[in-house]
Amino acid sequence: MSPESDASSRLVWFRSSYSNGAGGECVECALTSHGALVRDSKRGEADVIAVSDDAWRSFIQPMKYVSTRPCIGEI
């Protein structure tokens, strides 16, 4: 994951290293003190989904065991 600074809100958005940068589908995530924010990279600030800390951890935890790459929850 590579961080991208969002100056307007001071959030650091992360995009998957699997994204090819050719305008394909990509989800970005930003960690907050209460959980995580998730958005479509093509829509930017238009639609952001807030996810609680417990929900985010429940989502990320299984991925730690199927991937050899670090998960965003480990950053």
C-alpha atoms as a PDB file:
ATOM      1  CA  MET A   1       0.000   0.000   0.000  1.00  0.00           C
ATOM      2  CA  SER A   2       1.284   3.443  -0.771  1.00  0.00           C
ATOM      3  CA  PRO A   3       0.067   6.480   1.183  1.00  0.00           C
ATOM      4  CA  GLU A   4      -1.416   9.472  -0.557  1.00  0.00           C
ATOM      5  CA  SER A   5      -1.853  12.653   1.461  1.00  0.00           C
ATOM      6  CA  ASP A   6      -5.215  14.387   1.250  1.00  0.00           C
ATOM      7  CA  ALA A   7      -4.363  17.984   2.210  1.00  0.00           C
ATOM      8  CA  SER A   8      -7.981  19.096   2.589  1.00  0.00           C
ATOM      9  CA  SER A   9      -8.743  16.696   5.440  1.00  0.00           C
ATOM     10  CA  ARG A  10      -5.240  15.666   6.570  1.00  0.00           C
ATOM     11  CA  LEU A  11      -6.118  12.019   6.067  1.00  0.00           C
ATOM     12  CA  VAL A  12      -3.652   9.587   4.547  1.00  0.00           C
ATOM     13  CA  TRP A  13      -5.414   7.464   1.921  1.00  0.00           C
ATOM     14  CA  PHE A  14      -3.968   4.060   0.981  1.00  0.00           C
ATOM     15  CA  ARG A  15      -4.422   2.401  -2.399  1.00  0.00           C
ATOM     16  CA  SER A  16      -3.719  -1.244  -3.076  1.00  0.00           C
ATOM     17  CA  SER A  17      -0.380  -2.067  -4.652  1.00  0.00           C
ATOM     18  CA  TYR A  18      -2.409  -4.306  -7.000  1.00  0.00           C
ATOM     19  CA  SER A  19      -3.936  -1.202  -8.621  1.00  0.00           C
ATOM     20  CA  ASN A  20      -2.416  -0.785 -12.068  1.00  0.00           C
ATOM     21  CA  GLY A  21      -2.894   2.995 -12.236  1.00  0.00           C
ATOM     22  CA  ALA A  22      -4.654   2.711 -15.614  1.00  0.00           C
ATOM     23  CA  GLY A  23      -7.982   3.993 -14.314  1.00  0.00           C
ATOM     24  CA  GLY A  24      -9.318   0.612 -13.284  1.00  0.00           C
ATOM     25  CA  GLU A  25     -11.341  -0.155 -10.208  1.00  0.00           C
ATOM     26  CA  CYS A  26      -9.567   0.670  -6.972  1.00  0.00           C
ATOM     27  CA  VAL A  27     -10.646   1.197  -3.392  1.00  0.00           C
ATOM     28  CA  GLU A  28      -8.811   3.620  -1.122  1.00  0.00           C
ATOM     29  CA  CYS A  29      -8.828   3.492   2.674  1.00  0.00           C
ATOM     30  CA  ALA A  30      -7.826   5.933   5.398  1.00  0.00           C
ATOM     31  CA  LEU A  31      -7.469   5.056   9.070  1.00  0.00           C
ATOM     32  CA  THR A  32      -9.094   7.328  11.659  1.00  0.00           C
ATOM     33  CA  SER A  33      -9.179   7.327  15.451  1.00  0.00           C
ATOM     34  CA  HIS A  34     -12.602   5.629  15.298  1.00  0.00           C
ATOM     35  CA  GLY A  35     -12.074   3.128  12.458  1.00  0.00           C
ATOM     36  CA  ALA A  36     -11.572   3.572   8.733  1.00  0.00           C
ATOM     37  CA  LEU A  37     -12.930   5.461   5.750  1.00  0.00           C
ATOM     38  CA  VAL A  38     -13.366   3.714   2.397  1.00  0.00           C
ATOM     39  CA  ARG A  39     -13.893   5.340  -1.011  1.00  0.00           C
ATOM     40  CA  ASP A  40     -13.752   4.667  -4.742  1.00  0.00           C
ATOM     41  CA  SER A  41     -10.510   6.163  -6.067  1.00  0.00           C
ATOM     42  CA  LYS A  42     -12.265   7.484  -9.185  1.00  0.00           C
ATOM     43  CA  ARG A  43     -14.878   9.396  -7.174  1.00  0.00           C
ATOM     44  CA  GLY A  44     -12.587  10.886  -4.530  1.00  0.00           C
ATOM     45  CA  GLU A  45     -14.466  12.765  -1.834  1.00  0.00           C
ATOM     46  CA  ALA A  46     -17.869  12.206  -3.494  1.00  0.00           C
ATOM     47  CA  ASP A  47     -18.804   9.023  -1.613  1.00  0.00           C
ATOM     48  CA  VAL A  48     -16.986   7.974   1.549  1.00  0.00           C
ATOM     49  CA  ILE A  49     -18.096   5.109   3.782  1.00  0.00           C
ATOM     50  CA  ALA A  50     -17.203   5.256   7.489  1.00  0.00           C
ATOM     51  CA  VAL A  51     -16.500   1.896   9.129  1.00  0.00           C
ATOM     52  CA  SER A  52     -16.172   1.383  12.897  1.00  0.00           C
ATOM     53  CA  ASP A  53     -12.901   0.147  14.372  1.00  0.00           C
ATOM     54  CA  ASP A  54     -14.462  -3.219  15.298  1.00  0.00           C
ATOM     55  CA  ALA A  55     -15.933  -3.695  11.813  1.00  0.00           C
ATOM     56  CA  TRP A  56     -12.622  -2.757  10.144  1.00  0.00           C
ATOM     57  CA  ARG A  57     -10.650  -5.198  12.296  1.00  0.00           C
ATOM     58  CA  SER A  58     -13.178  -7.961  11.565  1.00  0.00           C
ATOM     59  CA  PHE A  59     -12.759  -7.278   7.841  1.00  0.00           C
ATOM     60  CA  ILE A  60      -8.935  -7.116   7.887  1.00  0.00           C
ATOM     61  CA  GLN A  61      -8.174  -9.977  10.305  1.00  0.00           C
ATOM     62  CA  PRO A  62      -8.917 -12.882   7.895  1.00  0.00           C
ATOM     63  CA  MET A  63      -6.797 -11.258   5.174  1.00  0.00           C
ATOM     64  CA  LYS A  64      -3.701 -11.363   7.360  1.00  0.00           C
ATOM     65  CA  TYR A  65      -3.707 -15.133   7.003  1.00  0.00           C
ATOM     66  CA  VAL A  66      -4.258 -15.372   3.238  1.00  0.00           C
ATOM     67  CA  SER A  67      -1.688 -12.805   2.151  1.00  0.00           C
ATOM     68  CA  THR A  68       2.057 -12.574   2.573  1.00  0.00           C
ATOM     69  CA  ARG A  69       1.896  -8.807   2.106  1.00  0.00           C
ATOM     70  CA  PRO A  70       1.233  -6.541   5.106  1.00  0.00           C
ATOM     71  CA  CYS A  71      -2.380  -5.466   5.564  1.00  0.00           C
ATOM     72  CA  ILE A  72      -3.413  -1.862   6.105  1.00  0.00           C
ATOM     73  CA  GLY A  73      -4.307  -2.800   9.687  1.00  0.00           C
ATOM     74  CA  GLU A  74      -0.613  -3.540  10.295  1.00  0.00           C
ATOM     75  CA  ILE A  75       0.621  -0.107   9.202  1.00  0.00           C
END
